[in-house]
């Protein structure tokens, strides 16, 4: 079902005057630069954490006389090494986006503003994808196997559950500390601005499309 009152709102806005795309150049540059900084700190921080954890576990495994601790250390060293590999291979692309923005000649031109908007929208989609439950699958598999190895193969179910839980907590922290500057920027920015009689009215447009309906909601 199409929400007619929302469609009427769209036509009303179109009749009121010209609508220009909103693009705060300074705000966009700040969002891209902040995202690049966050991505860099995220990658450095988690690389140091995983690398240090793996090295510590290996050293402790070499020095301990307890076979159970040695077994856990080898499991944890493997988990940390996989986490380090994931951090290096699947880093956020905010740095690349900011470099693309810096390479633009005239950042105030309509073409550059449109390209900047596309960059930010792409980063926002990446951020949303990283927040979905599918982004935890890798950690779920690795920590699940580690928990099974300790709980079943080494016959210590309690320690296996603890290892799994702490590993999933680390995975969740990894996901939640990824950059989210593009999402926050778009949430603060209107989709359009309506100019008329010297006044500027910010317009926010929310679309919804399904098999049996289509709607658009206007907020201002």
C-alpha atoms as a PDB file:
ATOM      1  CA  UNK A   1       0.000   0.000   0.000  1.00  0.00           C
ATOM      2  CA  UNK A   2       1.340   3.416  -0.908  1.00  0.00           C
ATOM      3  CA  UNK A   3       1.046   6.062   1.781  1.00  0.00           C
ATOM      4  CA  UNK A   4      -0.704   8.798  -0.210  1.00  0.00           C
ATOM      5  CA  UNK A   5      -0.317  11.473   2.401  1.00  0.00           C
ATOM      6  CA  UNK A   6       3.455  11.080   2.227  1.00  0.00           C
ATOM      7  CA  UNK A   7       3.418  11.296  -1.552  1.00  0.00           C
ATOM      8  CA  UNK A   8       1.350  14.463  -1.293  1.00  0.00           C
ATOM      9  CA  UNK A   9       4.012  15.853   1.016  1.00  0.00           C
ATOM     10  CA  UNK A  10       6.641  15.168  -1.636  1.00  0.00           C
ATOM     11  CA  UNK A  11       4.700  16.997  -4.355  1.00  0.00           C
ATOM     12  CA  UNK A  12       4.058  19.887  -1.994  1.00  0.00           C
ATOM     13  CA  UNK A  13       7.753  20.258  -1.326  1.00  0.00           C
ATOM     14  CA  UNK A  14       8.516  20.161  -5.027  1.00  0.00           C
ATOM     15  CA  UNK A  15       6.077  22.994  -5.640  1.00  0.00           C
ATOM     16  CA  UNK A  16       7.507  25.186  -2.900  1.00  0.00           C
ATOM     17  CA  UNK A  17      10.763  25.926  -4.667  1.00  0.00           C
ATOM     18  CA  UNK A  18      14.102  24.555  -5.806  1.00  0.00           C
ATOM     19  CA  UNK A  19      15.613  21.883  -3.577  1.00  0.00           C
ATOM     20  CA  UNK A  20      19.412  21.708  -3.408  1.00  0.00           C
ATOM     21  CA  UNK A  21      21.447  18.803  -2.100  1.00  0.00           C
ATOM     22  CA  UNK A  22      22.890  19.588   1.303  1.00  0.00           C
ATOM     23  CA  UNK A  23      26.622  19.113   1.601  1.00  0.00           C
ATOM     24  CA  UNK A  24      28.567  20.629   4.406  1.00  0.00           C
ATOM     25  CA  UNK A  25      32.056  20.585   2.894  1.00  0.00           C
ATOM     26  CA  UNK A  26      33.850  21.267   6.156  1.00  0.00           C
ATOM     27  CA  UNK A  27      31.738  18.698   8.010  1.00  0.00           C
ATOM     28  CA  UNK A  28      32.316  16.081   5.313  1.00  0.00           C
ATOM     29  CA  UNK A  29      36.059  16.670   5.385  1.00  0.00           C
ATOM     30  CA  UNK A  30      36.051  16.404   9.180  1.00  0.00           C
ATOM     31  CA  UNK A  31      34.053  13.152   9.060  1.00  0.00           C
ATOM     32  CA  UNK A  32      36.410  11.600   6.513  1.00  0.00           C
ATOM     33  CA  UNK A  33      39.508  12.751   8.369  1.00  0.00           C
ATOM     34  CA  UNK A  34      38.117  11.549  11.702  1.00  0.00           C
ATOM     35  CA  UNK A  35      37.223   8.190  10.169  1.00  0.00           C
ATOM     36  CA  UNK A  36      40.736   7.786   8.783  1.00  0.00           C
ATOM     37  CA  UNK A  37      42.212   8.558  12.218  1.00  0.00           C
ATOM     38  CA  UNK A  38      39.859   6.131  13.962  1.00  0.00           C
ATOM     39  CA  UNK A  39      40.623   3.405  11.431  1.00  0.00           C
ATOM     40  CA  UNK A  40      44.348   3.884  11.918  1.00  0.00           C
ATOM     41  CA  UNK A  41      44.098   3.801  15.722  1.00  0.00           C
ATOM     42  CA  UNK A  42      41.785   0.781  15.523  1.00  0.00           C
ATOM     43  CA  UNK A  43      44.202  -1.154  13.337  1.00  0.00           C
ATOM     44  CA  UNK A  44      47.285  -0.201  15.355  1.00  0.00           C
ATOM     45  CA  UNK A  45      45.605  -0.869  18.688  1.00  0.00           C
ATOM     46  CA  UNK A  46      44.124  -4.244  17.805  1.00  0.00           C
ATOM     47  CA  UNK A  47      47.277  -5.338  15.953  1.00  0.00           C
ATOM     48  CA  UNK A  48      49.303  -4.590  19.080  1.00  0.00           C
ATOM     49  CA  UNK A  49      46.759  -6.396  21.257  1.00  0.00           C
ATOM     50  CA  UNK A  50      46.605  -9.542  19.128  1.00  0.00           C
ATOM     51  CA  UNK A  51      50.333  -9.588  18.416  1.00  0.00           C
ATOM     52  CA  UNK A  52      51.207  -9.063  22.078  1.00  0.00           C
ATOM     53  CA  UNK A  53      48.682 -11.683  23.218  1.00  0.00           C
ATOM     54  CA  UNK A  54      50.044 -14.262  20.800  1.00  0.00           C
ATOM     55  CA  UNK A  55      53.655 -13.584  21.813  1.00  0.00           C
ATOM     56  CA  UNK A  56      52.801 -13.669  25.527  1.00  0.00           C
ATOM     57  CA  UNK A  57      50.928 -16.974  25.194  1.00  0.00           C
ATOM     58  CA  UNK A  58      53.814 -18.588  23.327  1.00  0.00           C
ATOM     59  CA  UNK A  59      56.374 -17.406  25.881  1.00  0.00           C
ATOM     60  CA  UNK A  60      54.189 -18.557  28.767  1.00  0.00           C
ATOM     61  CA  UNK A  61      53.654 -21.937  27.099  1.00  0.00           C
ATOM     62  CA  UNK A  62      57.401 -22.373  26.873  1.00  0.00           C
ATOM     63  CA  UNK A  63      58.004 -21.470  30.514  1.00  0.00           C
ATOM     64  CA  UNK A  64      55.102 -23.206  32.258  1.00  0.00           C
ATOM     65  CA  UNK A  65      55.284 -26.736  33.640  1.00  0.00           C
ATOM     66  CA  UNK A  66      51.510 -27.154  33.773  1.00  0.00           C
ATOM     67  CA  UNK A  67      50.335 -29.166  30.722  1.00  0.00           C
ATOM     68  CA  UNK A  68      46.830 -27.689  30.907  1.00  0.00           C
ATOM     69  CA  UNK A  69      48.159 -24.134  30.920  1.00  0.00           C
ATOM     70  CA  UNK A  70      50.499 -24.978  28.040  1.00  0.00           C
ATOM     71  CA  UNK A  71      47.597 -26.369  26.036  1.00  0.00           C
ATOM     72  CA  UNK A  72      45.503 -23.240  26.709  1.00  0.00           C
ATOM     73  CA  UNK A  73      48.426 -21.005  25.769  1.00  0.00           C
ATOM     74  CA  UNK A  74      48.801 -22.674  22.385  1.00  0.00           C
ATOM     75  CA  UNK A  75      45.062 -22.324  21.783  1.00  0.00           C
ATOM     76  CA  UNK A  76      45.139 -18.631  22.761  1.00  0.00           C
ATOM     77  CA  UNK A  77      48.240 -17.957  20.676  1.00  0.00           C
ATOM     78  CA  UNK A  78      46.502 -19.422  17.636  1.00  0.00           C
ATOM     79  CA  UNK A  79      43.351 -17.384  18.267  1.00  0.00           C
ATOM     80  CA  UNK A  80      45.369 -14.186  18.649  1.00  0.00           C
ATOM     81  CA  UNK A  81      47.352 -14.896  15.479  1.00  0.00           C
ATOM     82  CA  UNK A  82      44.096 -15.341  13.547  1.00  0.00           C
ATOM     83  CA  UNK A  83      42.786 -12.109  15.076  1.00  0.00           C
ATOM     84  CA  UNK A  84      45.939 -10.290  13.967  1.00  0.00           C
ATOM     85  CA  UNK A  85      45.559 -11.643  10.447  1.00  0.00           C
ATOM     86  CA  UNK A  86      41.935 -10.484  10.333  1.00  0.00           C
ATOM     87  CA  UNK A  87      42.882  -7.025  11.609  1.00  0.00           C
ATOM     88  CA  UNK A  88      45.509  -6.604   8.911  1.00  0.00           C
ATOM     89  CA  UNK A  89      43.494  -8.107   6.054  1.00  0.00           C
ATOM     90  CA  UNK A  90      40.075  -6.617   6.797  1.00  0.00           C
ATOM     91  CA  UNK A  91      40.905  -3.154   8.071  1.00  0.00           C
ATOM     92  CA  UNK A  92      38.304  -0.368   7.665  1.00  0.00           C
ATOM     93  CA  UNK A  93      38.564   1.489   4.347  1.00  0.00           C
ATOM     94  CA  UNK A  94      38.206   4.962   5.884  1.00  0.00           C
ATOM     95  CA  UNK A  95      41.848   5.780   5.203  1.00  0.00           C
ATOM     96  CA  UNK A  96      41.471   5.001   1.497  1.00  0.00           C
ATOM     97  CA  UNK A  97      38.318   7.118   1.319  1.00  0.00           C
ATOM     98  CA  UNK A  98      40.055  10.096   2.909  1.00  0.00           C
ATOM     99  CA  UNK A  99      42.968   9.792   0.483  1.00  0.00           C
ATOM    100  CA  UNK A 100      40.494   9.812  -2.402  1.00  0.00           C
ATOM    101  CA  UNK A 101      38.928  12.948  -0.955  1.00  0.00           C
ATOM    102  CA  UNK A 102      42.317  14.638  -0.592  1.00  0.00           C
ATOM    103  CA  UNK A 103      43.108  13.850  -4.248  1.00  0.00           C
ATOM    104  CA  UNK A 104      40.110  15.894  -5.458  1.00  0.00           C
ATOM    105  CA  UNK A 105      41.191  19.135  -7.121  1.00  0.00           C
ATOM    106  CA  UNK A 106      38.253  21.442  -6.402  1.00  0.00           C
ATOM    107  CA  UNK A 107      36.559  20.100  -3.275  1.00  0.00           C
ATOM    108  CA  UNK A 108      33.868  22.797  -3.403  1.00  0.00           C
ATOM    109  CA  UNK A 109      32.669  21.958  -6.925  1.00  0.00           C
ATOM    110  CA  UNK A 110      29.303  20.199  -7.355  1.00  0.00           C
ATOM    111  CA  UNK A 111      31.072  17.148  -8.808  1.00  0.00           C
ATOM    112  CA  UNK A 112      33.450  16.921  -5.834  1.00  0.00           C
ATOM    113  CA  UNK A 113      30.597  17.362  -3.360  1.00  0.00           C
ATOM    114  CA  UNK A 114      28.663  14.571  -5.054  1.00  0.00           C
ATOM    115  CA  UNK A 115      31.744  12.320  -5.047  1.00  0.00           C
ATOM    116  CA  UNK A 116      32.313  13.117  -1.367  1.00  0.00           C
ATOM    117  CA  UNK A 117      28.723  12.185  -0.583  1.00  0.00           C
ATOM    118  CA  UNK A 118      29.233   8.861  -2.385  1.00  0.00           C
ATOM    119  CA  UNK A 119      32.398   8.193  -0.381  1.00  0.00           C
ATOM    120  CA  UNK A 120      30.634   8.857   2.916  1.00  0.00           C
ATOM    121  CA  UNK A 121      27.598   6.792   1.913  1.00  0.00           C
ATOM    122  CA  UNK A 122      29.872   3.874   1.024  1.00  0.00           C
ATOM    123  CA  UNK A 123      31.640   4.117   4.384  1.00  0.00           C
ATOM    124  CA  UNK A 124      28.300   4.277   6.199  1.00  0.00           C
ATOM    125  CA  UNK A 125      27.208   1.095   4.436  1.00  0.00           C
ATOM    126  CA  UNK A 126      30.466  -0.589   5.426  1.00  0.00           C
ATOM    127  CA  UNK A 127      29.968   0.518   9.041  1.00  0.00           C
ATOM    128  CA  UNK A 128      26.412  -0.825   9.047  1.00  0.00           C
ATOM    129  CA  UNK A 129      27.588  -4.128   7.563  1.00  0.00           C
ATOM    130  CA  UNK A 130      30.233  -4.458  10.274  1.00  0.00           C
ATOM    131  CA  UNK A 131      27.609  -3.980  12.983  1.00  0.00           C
ATOM    132  CA  UNK A 132      25.434  -6.841  11.709  1.00  0.00           C
ATOM    133  CA  UNK A 133      25.513 -10.237  13.371  1.00  0.00           C
ATOM    134  CA  UNK A 134      27.265 -11.794  10.355  1.00  0.00           C
ATOM    135  CA  UNK A 135      30.422  -9.860  11.270  1.00  0.00           C
ATOM    136  CA  UNK A 136      30.674 -12.006  14.416  1.00  0.00           C
ATOM    137  CA  UNK A 137      30.669 -15.310  12.526  1.00  0.00           C
ATOM    138  CA  UNK A 138      34.455 -15.486  12.194  1.00  0.00           C
ATOM    139  CA  UNK A 139      34.916 -14.961  15.925  1.00  0.00           C
ATOM    140  CA  UNK A 140      32.109 -17.409  16.688  1.00  0.00           C
ATOM    141  CA  UNK A 141      33.782 -20.130  14.629  1.00  0.00           C
ATOM    142  CA  UNK A 142      37.299 -19.555  16.005  1.00  0.00           C
ATOM    143  CA  UNK A 143      36.187 -19.246  19.628  1.00  0.00           C
ATOM    144  CA  UNK A 144      33.779 -22.150  19.258  1.00  0.00           C
ATOM    145  CA  UNK A 145      36.533 -24.424  17.988  1.00  0.00           C
ATOM    146  CA  UNK A 146      38.878 -23.247  20.743  1.00  0.00           C
ATOM    147  CA  UNK A 147      36.226 -23.898  23.384  1.00  0.00           C
ATOM    148  CA  UNK A 148      35.567 -27.359  21.983  1.00  0.00           C
ATOM    149  CA  UNK A 149      39.274 -28.160  21.905  1.00  0.00           C
ATOM    150  CA  UNK A 150      39.625 -27.289  25.579  1.00  0.00           C
ATOM    151  CA  UNK A 151      36.259 -28.553  26.769  1.00  0.00           C
ATOM    152  CA  UNK A 152      36.002 -31.786  24.773  1.00  0.00           C
ATOM    153  CA  UNK A 153      39.451 -32.838  23.622  1.00  0.00           C
ATOM    154  CA  UNK A 154      41.166 -31.805  26.848  1.00  0.00           C
ATOM    155  CA  UNK A 155      38.119 -32.794  28.936  1.00  0.00           C
ATOM    156  CA  UNK A 156      37.711 -29.450  30.722  1.00  0.00           C
ATOM    157  CA  UNK A 157      34.226 -28.179  29.794  1.00  0.00           C
ATOM    158  CA  UNK A 158      34.266 -25.359  32.352  1.00  0.00           C
ATOM    159  CA  UNK A 159      37.519 -23.928  31.023  1.00  0.00           C
ATOM    160  CA  UNK A 160      36.236 -24.401  27.492  1.00  0.00           C
ATOM    161  CA  UNK A 161      33.175 -22.257  28.184  1.00  0.00           C
ATOM    162  CA  UNK A 162      35.298 -19.574  29.840  1.00  0.00           C
ATOM    163  CA  UNK A 163      37.650 -19.481  26.854  1.00  0.00           C
ATOM    164  CA  UNK A 164      34.715 -19.227  24.454  1.00  0.00           C
ATOM    165  CA  UNK A 165      33.004 -16.453  26.451  1.00  0.00           C
ATOM    166  CA  UNK A 166      36.131 -14.317  26.828  1.00  0.00           C
ATOM    167  CA  UNK A 167      36.927 -14.788  23.161  1.00  0.00           C
ATOM    168  CA  UNK A 168      33.454 -13.662  22.090  1.00  0.00           C
ATOM    169  CA  UNK A 169      33.708 -10.647  24.404  1.00  0.00           C
ATOM    170  CA  UNK A 170      36.931  -9.692  22.643  1.00  0.00           C
ATOM    171  CA  UNK A 171      35.231 -10.147  19.268  1.00  0.00           C
ATOM    172  CA  UNK A 172      32.369  -7.889  20.339  1.00  0.00           C
ATOM    173  CA  UNK A 173      34.763  -5.191  21.525  1.00  0.00           C
ATOM    174  CA  UNK A 174      36.627  -5.461  18.226  1.00  0.00           C
ATOM    175  CA  UNK A 175      33.407  -4.876  16.289  1.00  0.00           C
ATOM    176  CA  UNK A 176      32.111  -2.064  18.492  1.00  0.00           C
ATOM    177  CA  UNK A 177      35.355  -0.083  18.393  1.00  0.00           C
ATOM    178  CA  UNK A 178      35.481   0.075  14.596  1.00  0.00           C
ATOM    179  CA  UNK A 179      35.037   3.587  13.098  1.00  0.00           C
ATOM    180  CA  UNK A 180      31.487   4.919  12.816  1.00  0.00           C
ATOM    181  CA  UNK A 181      32.108   8.531  11.757  1.00  0.00           C
ATOM    182  CA  UNK A 182      30.294   8.246   8.410  1.00  0.00           C
ATOM    183  CA  UNK A 183      27.126   6.942  10.049  1.00  0.00           C
ATOM    184  CA  UNK A 184      27.123   9.766  12.593  1.00  0.00           C
ATOM    185  CA  UNK A 185      27.739  12.351   9.872  1.00  0.00           C
ATOM    186  CA  UNK A 186      24.808  11.172   7.755  1.00  0.00           C
ATOM    187  CA  UNK A 187      22.527  11.040  10.793  1.00  0.00           C
ATOM    188  CA  UNK A 188      23.255  14.729  11.437  1.00  0.00           C
ATOM    189  CA  UNK A 189      22.935  15.847   7.826  1.00  0.00           C
ATOM    190  CA  UNK A 190      19.656  16.583   6.002  1.00  0.00           C
ATOM    191  CA  UNK A 191      19.070  14.953   2.624  1.00  0.00           C
ATOM    192  CA  UNK A 192      18.022  18.267   1.105  1.00  0.00           C
ATOM    193  CA  UNK A 193      17.684  21.918   1.977  1.00  0.00           C
ATOM    194  CA  UNK A 194      14.695  23.947   0.874  1.00  0.00           C
ATOM    195  CA  UNK A 195      15.620  27.563   0.144  1.00  0.00           C
ATOM    196  CA  UNK A 196      12.947  30.234   0.025  1.00  0.00           C
ATOM    197  CA  UNK A 197      12.494  33.871   1.094  1.00  0.00           C
ATOM    198  CA  UNK A 198      15.948  33.945   2.608  1.00  0.00           C
ATOM    199  CA  UNK A 199      15.294  30.995   4.879  1.00  0.00           C
ATOM    200  CA  UNK A 200      16.753  27.489   4.732  1.00  0.00           C
ATOM    201  CA  UNK A 201      14.679  24.478   5.804  1.00  0.00           C
ATOM    202  CA  UNK A 202      16.533  21.162   6.277  1.00  0.00           C
ATOM    203  CA  UNK A 203      14.628  18.184   4.822  1.00  0.00           C
ATOM    204  CA  UNK A 204      15.127  14.571   5.869  1.00  0.00           C
ATOM    205  CA  UNK A 205      13.761  11.835   3.590  1.00  0.00           C
ATOM    206  CA  UNK A 206      13.240   8.223   4.712  1.00  0.00           C
ATOM    207  CA  UNK A 207      12.340   5.634   2.051  1.00  0.00           C
ATOM    208  CA  UNK A 208      10.725   2.243   2.562  1.00  0.00           C
ATOM    209  CA  UNK A 209      10.019  -0.216  -0.260  1.00  0.00           C
ATOM    210  CA  UNK A 210       8.596  -3.734   0.031  1.00  0.00           C
ATOM    211  CA  UNK A 211       6.875  -6.350  -2.124  1.00  0.00           C
ATOM    212  CA  UNK A 212       3.407  -4.885  -1.470  1.00  0.00           C
ATOM    213  CA  UNK A 213       4.103  -1.297  -0.459  1.00  0.00           C
ATOM    214  CA  UNK A 214       6.202   1.767  -1.036  1.00  0.00           C
ATOM    215  CA  UNK A 215       6.423   4.862   1.123  1.00  0.00           C
ATOM    216  CA  UNK A 216       8.489   7.958   1.687  1.00  0.00           C
ATOM    217  CA  UNK A 217       8.528   9.952   4.907  1.00  0.00           C
ATOM    218  CA  UNK A 218       9.478  13.636   5.002  1.00  0.00           C
ATOM    219  CA  UNK A 219      10.878  15.161   8.180  1.00  0.00           C
ATOM    220  CA  UNK A 220      11.788  18.840   8.627  1.00  0.00           C
END
